[in-house]
């Protein structure tokens, strides 16, 4: 399993950070509210935040008229 104990992150912690970032964006928290400090784990949190923000944006952009051909 990929673990870098010197930096304090592993696959599980990166997955957890991603999920927490996703949930944060889903409930409307700003990206600046990231609770992490390590560069790699912050990037995982922000990736989750970005993905959820895109899903929310796509859902709000979808309306009846855009689906009519």
PDB file of N, CA and C in Angstrom:
ATOM      1  N   UNK A   1       0.842  -1.179   0.000  1.00  0.00           N
ATOM      2  CA  UNK A   1       0.000   0.000   0.000  1.00  0.00           C
ATOM      3  C   UNK A   1       0.882   1.234   0.000  1.00  0.00           C
ATOM      4  N   UNK A   2       0.446   2.256  -0.707  1.00  0.00           N
ATOM      5  CA  UNK A   2       1.228   3.498  -0.805  1.00  0.00           C
ATOM      6  C   UNK A   2       1.074   4.326   0.457  1.00  0.00           C
ATOM      7  N   UNK A   3       2.161   4.517   1.145  1.00  0.00           N
ATOM      8  CA  UNK A   3       2.169   5.350   2.338  1.00  0.00           C
ATOM      9  C   UNK A   3       3.479   6.102   2.398  1.00  0.00           C
ATOM     10  N   UNK A   4       3.397   7.360   2.705  1.00  0.00           N
ATOM     11  CA  UNK A   4       4.590   8.157   2.929  1.00  0.00           C
ATOM     12  C   UNK A   4       4.530   8.642   4.364  1.00  0.00           C
ATOM     13  N   UNK A   5       5.145   7.875   5.269  1.00  0.00           N
ATOM     14  CA  UNK A   5       5.059   8.197   6.683  1.00  0.00           C
ATOM     15  C   UNK A   5       5.817   9.467   7.027  1.00  0.00           C
ATOM     16  N   UNK A   6       6.778   9.838   6.222  1.00  0.00           N
ATOM     17  CA  UNK A   6       7.522  11.063   6.470  1.00  0.00           C
ATOM     18  C   UNK A   6       6.661  12.307   6.294  1.00  0.00           C
ATOM     19  N   UNK A   7       5.685  12.224   5.385  1.00  0.00           N
ATOM     20  CA  UNK A   7       4.795  13.359   5.155  1.00  0.00           C
ATOM     21  C   UNK A   7       3.485  13.244   5.917  1.00  0.00           C
ATOM     22  N   UNK A   8       3.213  12.074   6.462  1.00  0.00           N
ATOM     23  CA  UNK A   8       2.016  11.887   7.267  1.00  0.00           C
ATOM     24  C   UNK A   8       0.739  11.666   6.468  1.00  0.00           C
ATOM     25  N   UNK A   9       0.863  11.162   5.252  1.00  0.00           N
ATOM     26  CA  UNK A   9      -0.341  10.866   4.495  1.00  0.00           C
ATOM     27  C   UNK A   9      -0.232   9.504   3.862  1.00  0.00           C
ATOM     28  N   UNK A  10      -1.367   8.899   3.672  1.00  0.00           N
ATOM     29  CA  UNK A  10      -1.483   7.619   2.994  1.00  0.00           C
ATOM     30  C   UNK A  10      -2.733   7.630   2.154  1.00  0.00           C
ATOM     31  N   UNK A  11      -2.999   6.551   1.475  1.00  0.00           N
ATOM     32  CA  UNK A  11      -4.148   6.474   0.591  1.00  0.00           C
ATOM     33  C   UNK A  11      -5.446   6.715   1.361  1.00  0.00           C
ATOM     34  N   UNK A  12      -5.567   6.124   2.537  1.00  0.00           N
ATOM     35  CA  UNK A  12      -6.786   6.286   3.322  1.00  0.00           C
ATOM     36  C   UNK A  12      -7.004   7.743   3.723  1.00  0.00           C
ATOM     37  N   UNK A  13      -5.949   8.413   4.151  1.00  0.00           N
ATOM     38  CA  UNK A  13      -6.108   9.804   4.566  1.00  0.00           C
ATOM     39  C   UNK A  13      -6.418  10.715   3.377  1.00  0.00           C
ATOM     40  N   UNK A  14      -5.866  10.393   2.216  1.00  0.00           N
ATOM     41  CA  UNK A  14      -6.182  11.186   1.027  1.00  0.00           C
ATOM     42  C   UNK A  14      -7.628  10.961   0.597  1.00  0.00           C
ATOM     43  N   UNK A  15      -8.101   9.728   0.662  1.00  0.00           N
ATOM     44  CA  UNK A  15      -9.506   9.443   0.346  1.00  0.00           C
ATOM     45  C   UNK A  15     -10.440  10.158   1.313  1.00  0.00           C
ATOM     46  N   UNK A  16     -10.085  10.139   2.586  1.00  0.00           N
ATOM     47  CA  UNK A  16     -10.897  10.822   3.600  1.00  0.00           C
ATOM     48  C   UNK A  16     -10.925  12.324   3.330  1.00  0.00           C
ATOM     49  N   UNK A  17      -9.785  12.916   3.023  1.00  0.00           N
ATOM     50  CA  UNK A  17      -9.726  14.346   2.734  1.00  0.00           C
ATOM     51  C   UNK A  17     -10.570  14.678   1.513  1.00  0.00           C
ATOM     52  N   UNK A  18     -10.490  13.848   0.477  1.00  0.00           N
ATOM     53  CA  UNK A  18     -11.296  14.052  -0.728  1.00  0.00           C
ATOM     54  C   UNK A  18     -12.780  14.040  -0.384  1.00  0.00           C
ATOM     55  N   UNK A  19     -13.215  13.021   0.358  1.00  0.00           N
ATOM     56  CA  UNK A  19     -14.627  12.911   0.729  1.00  0.00           C
ATOM     57  C   UNK A  19     -15.081  14.103   1.568  1.00  0.00           C
ATOM     58  N   UNK A  20     -14.225  14.550   2.474  1.00  0.00           N
ATOM     59  CA  UNK A  20     -14.591  15.699   3.305  1.00  0.00           C
ATOM     60  C   UNK A  20     -14.674  16.978   2.478  1.00  0.00           C
ATOM     61  N   UNK A  21     -13.781  17.134   1.520  1.00  0.00           N
ATOM     62  CA  UNK A  21     -13.856  18.285   0.627  1.00  0.00           C
ATOM     63  C   UNK A  21     -15.124  18.255  -0.214  1.00  0.00           C
ATOM     64  N   UNK A  22     -15.477  17.072  -0.684  1.00  0.00           N
ATOM     65  CA  UNK A  22     -16.692  16.905  -1.480  1.00  0.00           C
ATOM     66  C   UNK A  22     -17.913  17.293  -0.651  1.00  0.00           C
ATOM     67  N   UNK A  23     -17.973  16.800   0.570  1.00  0.00           N
ATOM     68  CA  UNK A  23     -19.101  17.116   1.437  1.00  0.00           C
ATOM     69  C   UNK A  23     -19.145  18.609   1.769  1.00  0.00           C
ATOM     70  N   UNK A  24     -17.981  19.216   1.989  1.00  0.00           N
ATOM     71  CA  UNK A  24     -17.930  20.641   2.313  1.00  0.00           C
ATOM     72  C   UNK A  24     -18.525  21.482   1.191  1.00  0.00           C
ATOM     73  N   UNK A  25     -18.160  21.197  -0.033  1.00  0.00           N
ATOM     74  CA  UNK A  25     -18.716  21.949  -1.162  1.00  0.00           C
ATOM     75  C   UNK A  25     -20.198  21.657  -1.339  1.00  0.00           C
ATOM     76  N   UNK A  26     -20.597  20.432  -1.057  1.00  0.00           N
ATOM     77  CA  UNK A  26     -22.001  20.043  -1.207  1.00  0.00           C
ATOM     78  C   UNK A  26     -22.917  20.833  -0.280  1.00  0.00           C
ATOM     79  N   UNK A  27     -22.400  21.221   0.885  1.00  0.00           N
ATOM     80  CA  UNK A  27     -23.223  21.983   1.822  1.00  0.00           C
ATOM     81  C   UNK A  27     -22.936  23.478   1.754  1.00  0.00           C
ATOM     82  N   UNK A  28     -22.106  23.875   0.792  1.00  0.00           N
ATOM     83  CA  UNK A  28     -21.906  25.288   0.544  1.00  0.00           C
ATOM     84  C   UNK A  28     -20.772  25.962   1.287  1.00  0.00           C
ATOM     85  N   UNK A  29     -19.877  25.177   1.897  1.00  0.00           N
ATOM     86  CA  UNK A  29     -18.738  25.796   2.573  1.00  0.00           C
ATOM     87  C   UNK A  29     -17.735  26.317   1.546  1.00  0.00           C
ATOM     88  N   UNK A  30     -17.097  27.440   1.830  1.00  0.00           N
ATOM     89  CA  UNK A  30     -16.111  27.971   0.882  1.00  0.00           C
ATOM     90  C   UNK A  30     -14.838  27.128   0.872  1.00  0.00           C
ATOM     91  N   UNK A  31     -14.133  27.195  -0.227  1.00  0.00           N
ATOM     92  CA  UNK A  31     -12.897  26.432  -0.389  1.00  0.00           C
ATOM     93  C   UNK A  31     -11.850  26.832   0.653  1.00  0.00           C
ATOM     94  N   UNK A  32     -11.898  28.057   1.107  1.00  0.00           N
ATOM     95  CA  UNK A  32     -10.933  28.547   2.099  1.00  0.00           C
ATOM     96  C   UNK A  32     -11.091  27.875   3.461  1.00  0.00           C
ATOM     97  N   UNK A  33     -12.145  27.115   3.665  1.00  0.00           N
ATOM     98  CA  UNK A  33     -12.384  26.443   4.945  1.00  0.00           C
ATOM     99  C   UNK A  33     -11.684  25.094   5.055  1.00  0.00           C
ATOM    100  N   UNK A  34     -10.775  24.804   4.165  1.00  0.00           N
ATOM    101  CA  UNK A  34     -10.043  23.531   4.219  1.00  0.00           C
ATOM    102  C   UNK A  34      -9.344  23.391   5.565  1.00  0.00           C
ATOM    103  N   UNK A  35      -9.588  22.289   6.274  1.00  0.00           N
ATOM    104  CA  UNK A  35      -8.998  22.122   7.602  1.00  0.00           C
ATOM    105  C   UNK A  35      -7.576  21.547   7.597  1.00  0.00           C
ATOM    106  N   UNK A  36      -7.061  21.209   6.433  1.00  0.00           N
ATOM    107  CA  UNK A  36      -5.766  20.556   6.353  1.00  0.00           C
ATOM    108  C   UNK A  36      -4.653  21.552   6.075  1.00  0.00           C
ATOM    109  N   UNK A  37      -3.407  21.144   6.369  1.00  0.00           N
ATOM    110  CA  UNK A  37      -2.252  22.006   6.155  1.00  0.00           C
ATOM    111  C   UNK A  37      -1.206  21.405   5.221  1.00  0.00           C
ATOM    112  N   UNK A  38      -1.127  20.113   5.149  1.00  0.00           N
ATOM    113  CA  UNK A  38      -0.138  19.470   4.286  1.00  0.00           C
ATOM    114  C   UNK A  38      -0.497  19.641   2.818  1.00  0.00           C
ATOM    115  N   UNK A  39       0.486  19.925   1.993  1.00  0.00           N
ATOM    116  CA  UNK A  39       0.250  20.240   0.586  1.00  0.00           C
ATOM    117  C   UNK A  39      -0.511  19.137  -0.158  1.00  0.00           C
ATOM    118  N   UNK A  40      -0.130  17.903   0.051  1.00  0.00           N
ATOM    119  CA  UNK A  40      -0.740  16.786  -0.688  1.00  0.00           C
ATOM    120  C   UNK A  40      -2.173  16.550  -0.218  1.00  0.00           C
ATOM    121  N   UNK A  41      -2.394  16.557   1.067  1.00  0.00           N
ATOM    122  CA  UNK A  41      -3.737  16.303   1.595  1.00  0.00           C
ATOM    123  C   UNK A  41      -4.659  17.498   1.308  1.00  0.00           C
ATOM    124  N   UNK A  42      -4.137  18.703   1.286  1.00  0.00           N
ATOM    125  CA  UNK A  42      -4.929  19.873   0.884  1.00  0.00           C
ATOM    126  C   UNK A  42      -5.360  19.718  -0.569  1.00  0.00           C
ATOM    127  N   UNK A  43      -4.470  19.247  -1.415  1.00  0.00           N
ATOM    128  CA  UNK A  43      -4.809  19.035  -2.825  1.00  0.00           C
ATOM    129  C   UNK A  43      -5.921  17.994  -2.966  1.00  0.00           C
ATOM    130  N   UNK A  44      -5.912  16.959  -2.155  1.00  0.00           N
ATOM    131  CA  UNK A  44      -6.972  15.948  -2.195  1.00  0.00           C
ATOM    132  C   UNK A  44      -8.299  16.556  -1.750  1.00  0.00           C
ATOM    133  N   UNK A  45      -8.274  17.344  -0.673  1.00  0.00           N
ATOM    134  CA  UNK A  45      -9.486  18.005  -0.185  1.00  0.00           C
ATOM    135  C   UNK A  45     -10.039  18.949  -1.247  1.00  0.00           C
ATOM    136  N   UNK A  46      -9.173  19.734  -1.852  1.00  0.00           N
ATOM    137  CA  UNK A  46      -9.599  20.681  -2.882  1.00  0.00           C
ATOM    138  C   UNK A  46     -10.135  19.964  -4.123  1.00  0.00           C
ATOM    139  N   UNK A  47      -9.576  18.819  -4.460  1.00  0.00           N
ATOM    140  CA  UNK A  47     -10.088  18.042  -5.597  1.00  0.00           C
ATOM    141  C   UNK A  47     -11.513  17.584  -5.319  1.00  0.00           C
ATOM    142  N   UNK A  48     -11.767  17.121  -4.119  1.00  0.00           N
ATOM    143  CA  UNK A  48     -13.131  16.740  -3.743  1.00  0.00           C
ATOM    144  C   UNK A  48     -14.063  17.931  -3.767  1.00  0.00           C
ATOM    145  N   UNK A  49     -13.587  19.066  -3.252  1.00  0.00           N
ATOM    146  CA  UNK A  49     -14.388  20.291  -3.242  1.00  0.00           C
ATOM    147  C   UNK A  49     -14.721  20.717  -4.674  1.00  0.00           C
ATOM    148  N   UNK A  50     -13.713  20.703  -5.542  1.00  0.00           N
ATOM    149  CA  UNK A  50     -13.919  21.098  -6.946  1.00  0.00           C
ATOM    150  C   UNK A  50     -14.918  20.178  -7.646  1.00  0.00           C
ATOM    151  N   UNK A  51     -14.795  18.871  -7.409  1.00  0.00           N
ATOM    152  CA  UNK A  51     -15.708  17.919  -8.052  1.00  0.00           C
ATOM    153  C   UNK A  51     -17.152  18.147  -7.616  1.00  0.00           C
ATOM    154  N   UNK A  52     -17.376  18.334  -6.317  1.00  0.00           N
ATOM    155  CA  UNK A  52     -18.729  18.559  -5.824  1.00  0.00           C
ATOM    156  C   UNK A  52     -19.265  19.895  -6.306  1.00  0.00           C
ATOM    157  N   UNK A  53     -18.425  20.900  -6.348  1.00  0.00           N
ATOM    158  CA  UNK A  53     -18.848  22.216  -6.818  1.00  0.00           C
ATOM    159  C   UNK A  53     -19.286  22.143  -8.272  1.00  0.00           C
ATOM    160  N   UNK A  54     -18.591  21.353  -9.068  1.00  0.00           N
ATOM    161  CA  UNK A  54     -18.960  21.166 -10.473  1.00  0.00           C
ATOM    162  C   UNK A  54     -20.295  20.438 -10.590  1.00  0.00           C
ATOM    163  N   UNK A  55     -20.518  19.433  -9.762  1.00  0.00           N
ATOM    164  CA  UNK A  55     -21.790  18.699  -9.778  1.00  0.00           C
ATOM    165  C   UNK A  55     -22.929  19.634  -9.417  1.00  0.00           C
ATOM    166  N   UNK A  56     -22.741  20.453  -8.397  1.00  0.00           N
ATOM    167  CA  UNK A  56     -23.771  21.408  -7.982  1.00  0.00           C
ATOM    168  C   UNK A  56     -24.020  22.411  -9.096  1.00  0.00           C
ATOM    169  N   UNK A  57     -22.967  22.920  -9.712  1.00  0.00           N
ATOM    170  CA  UNK A  57     -23.109  23.890 -10.794  1.00  0.00           C
ATOM    171  C   UNK A  57     -23.855  23.267 -11.978  1.00  0.00           C
ATOM    172  N   UNK A  58     -23.506  22.041 -12.336  1.00  0.00           N
ATOM    173  CA  UNK A  58     -24.181  21.364 -13.449  1.00  0.00           C
ATOM    174  C   UNK A  58     -25.664  21.149 -13.144  1.00  0.00           C
ATOM    175  N   UNK A  59     -25.968  20.828 -11.904  1.00  0.00           N
ATOM    176  CA  UNK A  59     -27.362  20.592 -11.517  1.00  0.00           C
ATOM    177  C   UNK A  59     -28.173  21.879 -11.579  1.00  0.00           C
ATOM    178  N   UNK A  60     -27.579  22.998 -11.229  1.00  0.00           N
ATOM    179  CA  UNK A  60     -28.315  24.262 -11.277  1.00  0.00           C
ATOM    180  C   UNK A  60     -28.406  24.807 -12.688  1.00  0.00           C
ATOM    181  N   UNK A  61     -27.493  24.411 -13.565  1.00  0.00           N
ATOM    182  CA  UNK A  61     -27.532  24.859 -14.954  1.00  0.00           C
ATOM    183  C   UNK A  61     -28.545  24.076 -15.784  1.00  0.00           C
ATOM    184  N   UNK A  62     -28.960  22.922 -15.276  1.00  0.00           N
ATOM    185  CA  UNK A  62     -29.878  22.064 -16.017  1.00  0.00           C
ATOM    186  C   UNK A  62     -31.304  22.585 -15.847  1.00  0.00           C
ATOM    187  N   UNK A  63     -31.917  22.994 -16.922  1.00  0.00           N
ATOM    188  CA  UNK A  63     -33.302  23.411 -16.893  1.00  0.00           C
ATOM    189  C   UNK A  63     -34.044  22.795 -18.077  1.00  0.00           C
ATOM    190  N   UNK A  64     -35.337  22.957 -18.085  1.00  0.00           N
ATOM    191  CA  UNK A  64     -36.168  22.341 -19.109  1.00  0.00           C
ATOM    192  C   UNK A  64     -35.805  22.822 -20.505  1.00  0.00           C
ATOM    193  N   UNK A  65     -35.573  24.107 -20.673  1.00  0.00           N
ATOM    194  CA  UNK A  65     -35.322  24.642 -22.004  1.00  0.00           C
ATOM    195  C   UNK A  65     -33.991  24.171 -22.586  1.00  0.00           C
ATOM    196  N   UNK A  66     -33.018  23.892 -21.748  1.00  0.00           N
ATOM    197  CA  UNK A  66     -31.748  23.417 -22.269  1.00  0.00           C
ATOM    198  C   UNK A  66     -31.840  21.983 -22.771  1.00  0.00           C
ATOM    199  N   UNK A  67     -32.870  21.262 -22.352  1.00  0.00           N
ATOM    200  CA  UNK A  67     -33.045  19.875 -22.793  1.00  0.00           C
ATOM    201  C   UNK A  67     -33.921  19.746 -24.018  1.00  0.00           C
ATOM    202  N   UNK A  68     -34.591  20.816 -24.400  1.00  0.00           N
ATOM    203  CA  UNK A  68     -35.467  20.773 -25.576  1.00  0.00           C
ATOM    204  C   UNK A  68     -34.626  20.999 -26.822  1.00  0.00           C
ATOM    205  N   UNK A  69     -34.714  20.070 -27.763  1.00  0.00           N
ATOM    206  CA  UNK A  69     -33.922  20.194 -28.990  1.00  0.00           C
ATOM    207  C   UNK A  69     -34.670  20.908 -30.081  1.00  0.00           C
TER     208      UNK A  69
END
